[in-house]
Amino acid sequence: MKRGDIYYVDLSPVVGNEIGGVRMCKIVEVYAEENLVRARPMARHPKTNSYVFREIHERTVSTKRIKEFVKSSWQTIKSML
């Protein structure tokens, strides 16, 4: 797992207005010694109907929440849009 990789991450339970559920997230930072990652969830933009990363919902999650590998970089995720 490295910075820029895209994984499905289980973001539940949530607090306040955080995005929940299993979402595609871009790995922003990896804290290997603590088994934590900083993840930025993807959401569908309501006006353009394309995927965007939600910076305001970036959060630190346990690596136990990582579900499935999607793509290795942002350039390859563009092909999915």
N, C-alpha and C. Protein backbone atom coordinates (compact mmCIF):
# COMPACT_ATOMS: atom_id res chain seq x y z
N MET A 1 0.85 -1.16 0.00
CA MET A 1 0.00 0.00 0.00
C MET A 1 0.90 1.23 0.00
N LYS A 2 0.61 2.18 -0.91
CA LYS A 2 1.41 3.39 -0.98
C LYS A 2 0.53 4.59 -1.32
N ARG A 3 1.09 5.76 -1.16
CA ARG A 3 0.37 7.00 -1.42
C ARG A 3 -0.10 7.03 -2.88
N GLY A 4 -1.36 7.42 -3.08
CA GLY A 4 -1.93 7.51 -4.42
C GLY A 4 -2.71 6.28 -4.84
N ASP A 5 -2.55 5.16 -4.12
CA ASP A 5 -3.32 3.95 -4.43
C ASP A 5 -4.79 4.18 -4.11
N ILE A 6 -5.66 3.50 -4.84
CA ILE A 6 -7.11 3.59 -4.62
C ILE A 6 -7.58 2.25 -4.06
N TYR A 7 -8.27 2.29 -2.93
CA TYR A 7 -8.81 1.10 -2.28
C TYR A 7 -10.27 1.34 -1.91
N TYR A 8 -11.03 0.24 -1.79
CA TYR A 8 -12.33 0.33 -1.14
C TYR A 8 -12.07 0.29 0.36
N VAL A 9 -12.67 1.24 1.09
CA VAL A 9 -12.47 1.36 2.54
C VAL A 9 -13.83 1.43 3.21
N ASP A 10 -14.00 0.70 4.30
CA ASP A 10 -15.23 0.76 5.09
C ASP A 10 -15.14 1.96 6.02
N LEU A 11 -15.93 3.00 5.77
CA LEU A 11 -15.87 4.24 6.54
C LEU A 11 -16.91 4.31 7.66
N SER A 12 -17.61 3.23 7.91
CA SER A 12 -18.59 3.21 9.00
C SER A 12 -17.91 2.70 10.26
N PRO A 13 -18.29 3.09 11.43
CA PRO A 13 -19.32 4.06 11.78
C PRO A 13 -18.84 5.49 11.55
N VAL A 14 -19.79 6.39 11.43
CA VAL A 14 -19.47 7.79 11.15
C VAL A 14 -19.80 8.67 12.35
N VAL A 15 -19.23 9.85 12.36
CA VAL A 15 -19.52 10.84 13.39
C VAL A 15 -19.93 12.12 12.66
N GLY A 16 -21.06 12.68 13.03
CA GLY A 16 -21.51 13.93 12.41
C GLY A 16 -21.87 13.73 10.95
N ASN A 17 -21.32 14.59 10.08
CA ASN A 17 -21.68 14.53 8.66
C ASN A 17 -20.61 13.86 7.80
N GLU A 18 -19.82 12.96 8.38
CA GLU A 18 -18.80 12.24 7.62
C GLU A 18 -19.47 11.32 6.60
N ILE A 19 -18.75 11.01 5.53
CA ILE A 19 -19.22 10.05 4.55
C ILE A 19 -19.05 8.66 5.14
N GLY A 20 -20.09 7.82 5.03
CA GLY A 20 -20.04 6.47 5.58
C GLY A 20 -20.15 5.42 4.51
N GLY A 21 -20.14 4.16 4.94
CA GLY A 21 -20.27 3.05 4.01
C GLY A 21 -18.93 2.66 3.41
N VAL A 22 -18.97 1.73 2.46
CA VAL A 22 -17.77 1.29 1.76
C VAL A 22 -17.60 2.18 0.54
N ARG A 23 -16.51 2.92 0.48
CA ARG A 23 -16.25 3.89 -0.59
C ARG A 23 -14.86 3.70 -1.16
N MET A 24 -14.69 4.11 -2.43
CA MET A 24 -13.36 4.18 -3.00
C MET A 24 -12.64 5.35 -2.34
N CYS A 25 -11.42 5.11 -1.88
CA CYS A 25 -10.64 6.15 -1.23
C CYS A 25 -9.23 6.17 -1.81
N LYS A 26 -8.69 7.37 -1.91
CA LYS A 26 -7.29 7.53 -2.32
C LYS A 26 -6.46 7.59 -1.05
N ILE A 27 -5.37 6.80 -1.01
CA ILE A 27 -4.48 6.79 0.14
C ILE A 27 -3.62 8.05 0.09
N VAL A 28 -3.69 8.87 1.13
CA VAL A 28 -2.95 10.12 1.20
C VAL A 28 -1.65 9.94 1.95
N GLU A 29 -1.69 9.13 3.01
CA GLU A 29 -0.51 8.91 3.84
C GLU A 29 -0.64 7.56 4.52
N VAL A 30 0.48 6.87 4.70
CA VAL A 30 0.50 5.55 5.35
C VAL A 30 1.34 5.65 6.62
N TYR A 31 0.77 5.22 7.74
CA TYR A 31 1.48 5.17 9.02
C TYR A 31 1.70 3.69 9.33
N ALA A 32 2.76 3.11 8.77
CA ALA A 32 2.98 1.66 8.85
C ALA A 32 3.10 1.15 10.27
N GLU A 33 3.82 1.86 11.13
CA GLU A 33 4.04 1.36 12.49
C GLU A 33 2.76 1.32 13.32
N GLU A 34 1.76 2.14 12.98
CA GLU A 34 0.49 2.12 13.72
C GLU A 34 -0.61 1.40 12.98
N ASN A 35 -0.34 0.85 11.77
CA ASN A 35 -1.35 0.20 10.94
C ASN A 35 -2.52 1.13 10.63
N LEU A 36 -2.19 2.39 10.33
CA LEU A 36 -3.20 3.39 10.00
C LEU A 36 -2.89 3.99 8.63
N VAL A 37 -3.94 4.46 7.96
CA VAL A 37 -3.77 5.21 6.72
C VAL A 37 -4.63 6.45 6.76
N ARG A 38 -4.19 7.49 6.08
CA ARG A 38 -4.99 8.70 5.90
C ARG A 38 -5.66 8.54 4.55
N ALA A 39 -6.99 8.52 4.50
CA ALA A 39 -7.74 8.23 3.29
C ALA A 39 -8.66 9.38 2.91
N ARG A 40 -8.78 9.63 1.62
CA ARG A 40 -9.66 10.66 1.09
C ARG A 40 -10.75 9.96 0.26
N PRO A 41 -12.02 9.96 0.72
CA PRO A 41 -13.08 9.24 0.02
C PRO A 41 -13.46 9.89 -1.32
N MET A 42 -13.92 9.04 -2.24
CA MET A 42 -14.44 9.50 -3.53
C MET A 42 -15.94 9.60 -3.44
N ALA A 43 -16.50 10.58 -4.12
CA ALA A 43 -17.95 10.73 -4.20
C ALA A 43 -18.31 11.19 -5.60
N ARG A 44 -19.52 10.90 -6.02
CA ARG A 44 -19.98 11.32 -7.33
C ARG A 44 -20.43 12.78 -7.24
N HIS A 45 -19.89 13.63 -8.12
CA HIS A 45 -20.25 15.05 -8.13
C HIS A 45 -21.66 15.18 -8.70
N PRO A 46 -22.56 15.88 -8.00
CA PRO A 46 -23.97 15.92 -8.43
C PRO A 46 -24.20 16.63 -9.76
N LYS A 47 -23.39 17.62 -10.09
CA LYS A 47 -23.62 18.37 -11.34
C LYS A 47 -22.95 17.73 -12.55
N THR A 48 -21.74 17.23 -12.39
CA THR A 48 -21.01 16.68 -13.52
C THR A 48 -21.14 15.17 -13.64
N ASN A 49 -21.67 14.51 -12.61
CA ASN A 49 -21.85 13.06 -12.57
C ASN A 49 -20.52 12.31 -12.70
N SER A 50 -19.42 12.96 -12.31
CA SER A 50 -18.11 12.31 -12.33
C SER A 50 -17.64 12.14 -10.89
N TYR A 51 -16.61 11.31 -10.72
CA TYR A 51 -16.08 11.07 -9.38
C TYR A 51 -15.07 12.14 -8.99
N VAL A 52 -15.15 12.57 -7.73
CA VAL A 52 -14.21 13.55 -7.18
C VAL A 52 -13.79 13.07 -5.79
N PHE A 53 -12.61 13.51 -5.37
CA PHE A 53 -12.16 13.21 -4.02
C PHE A 53 -12.60 14.31 -3.08
N ARG A 54 -13.16 13.95 -1.94
CA ARG A 54 -13.70 14.91 -0.98
C ARG A 54 -12.65 15.22 0.08
N GLU A 55 -11.92 16.31 -0.11
CA GLU A 55 -10.85 16.68 0.83
C GLU A 55 -11.38 16.94 2.23
N ILE A 56 -12.57 17.52 2.33
CA ILE A 56 -13.08 17.85 3.65
C ILE A 56 -13.43 16.62 4.47
N HIS A 57 -13.57 15.47 3.81
CA HIS A 57 -13.91 14.24 4.53
C HIS A 57 -12.71 13.34 4.72
N GLU A 58 -11.51 13.83 4.46
CA GLU A 58 -10.29 13.05 4.65
C GLU A 58 -10.17 12.66 6.12
N ARG A 59 -9.81 11.40 6.37
CA ARG A 59 -9.67 10.97 7.77
C ARG A 59 -8.71 9.80 7.89
N THR A 60 -8.28 9.56 9.11
CA THR A 60 -7.37 8.46 9.41
C THR A 60 -8.20 7.24 9.78
N VAL A 61 -7.90 6.10 9.15
CA VAL A 61 -8.63 4.87 9.42
C VAL A 61 -7.64 3.73 9.61
N SER A 62 -8.07 2.68 10.29
CA SER A 62 -7.25 1.50 10.51
C SER A 62 -7.11 0.73 9.20
N THR A 63 -5.96 0.06 9.02
CA THR A 63 -5.78 -0.77 7.83
C THR A 63 -6.75 -1.96 7.83
N LYS A 64 -7.35 -2.27 8.96
CA LYS A 64 -8.35 -3.35 9.03
C LYS A 64 -9.61 -2.98 8.25
N ARG A 65 -9.82 -1.69 7.98
CA ARG A 65 -10.99 -1.25 7.22
C ARG A 65 -10.79 -1.34 5.71
N ILE A 66 -9.56 -1.58 5.27
CA ILE A 66 -9.26 -1.69 3.84
C ILE A 66 -9.88 -2.97 3.30
N LYS A 67 -10.67 -2.87 2.24
CA LYS A 67 -11.40 -4.03 1.72
C LYS A 67 -10.77 -4.60 0.46
N GLU A 68 -10.56 -3.78 -0.57
CA GLU A 68 -10.15 -4.30 -1.86
C GLU A 68 -9.36 -3.25 -2.63
N PHE A 69 -8.30 -3.67 -3.29
CA PHE A 69 -7.48 -2.78 -4.11
C PHE A 69 -8.21 -2.47 -5.41
N VAL A 70 -8.18 -1.19 -5.84
CA VAL A 70 -8.85 -0.78 -7.08
C VAL A 70 -7.83 -0.43 -8.15
N LYS A 71 -7.05 0.62 -7.93
CA LYS A 71 -6.07 1.10 -8.93
C LYS A 71 -4.84 1.63 -8.21
N SER A 72 -3.74 1.76 -8.97
CA SER A 72 -2.49 2.15 -8.34
C SER A 72 -2.20 3.65 -8.39
N SER A 73 -2.92 4.42 -9.18
CA SER A 73 -2.65 5.86 -9.21
C SER A 73 -3.85 6.61 -9.76
N TRP A 74 -3.83 7.92 -9.61
CA TRP A 74 -4.93 8.76 -10.09
C TRP A 74 -5.04 8.70 -11.61
N GLN A 75 -3.94 8.56 -12.34
CA GLN A 75 -4.01 8.50 -13.80
C GLN A 75 -4.80 7.29 -14.27
N THR A 76 -4.67 6.17 -13.59
CA THR A 76 -5.41 4.97 -14.01
C THR A 76 -6.87 5.03 -13.60
N ILE A 77 -7.20 5.77 -12.56
CA ILE A 77 -8.60 5.89 -12.15
C ILE A 77 -9.39 6.72 -13.17
N LYS A 78 -8.72 7.63 -13.90
CA LYS A 78 -9.40 8.44 -14.92
C LYS A 78 -10.08 7.55 -15.96
N SER A 79 -9.50 6.39 -16.24
CA SER A 79 -10.09 5.49 -17.23
C SER A 79 -11.44 4.93 -16.77
N MET A 80 -11.70 4.97 -15.45
CA MET A 80 -12.96 4.47 -14.92
C MET A 80 -14.07 5.51 -15.04
N LEU A 81 -13.74 6.77 -15.25
CA LEU A 81 -14.74 7.84 -15.25
C LEU A 81 -15.51 7.91 -16.54
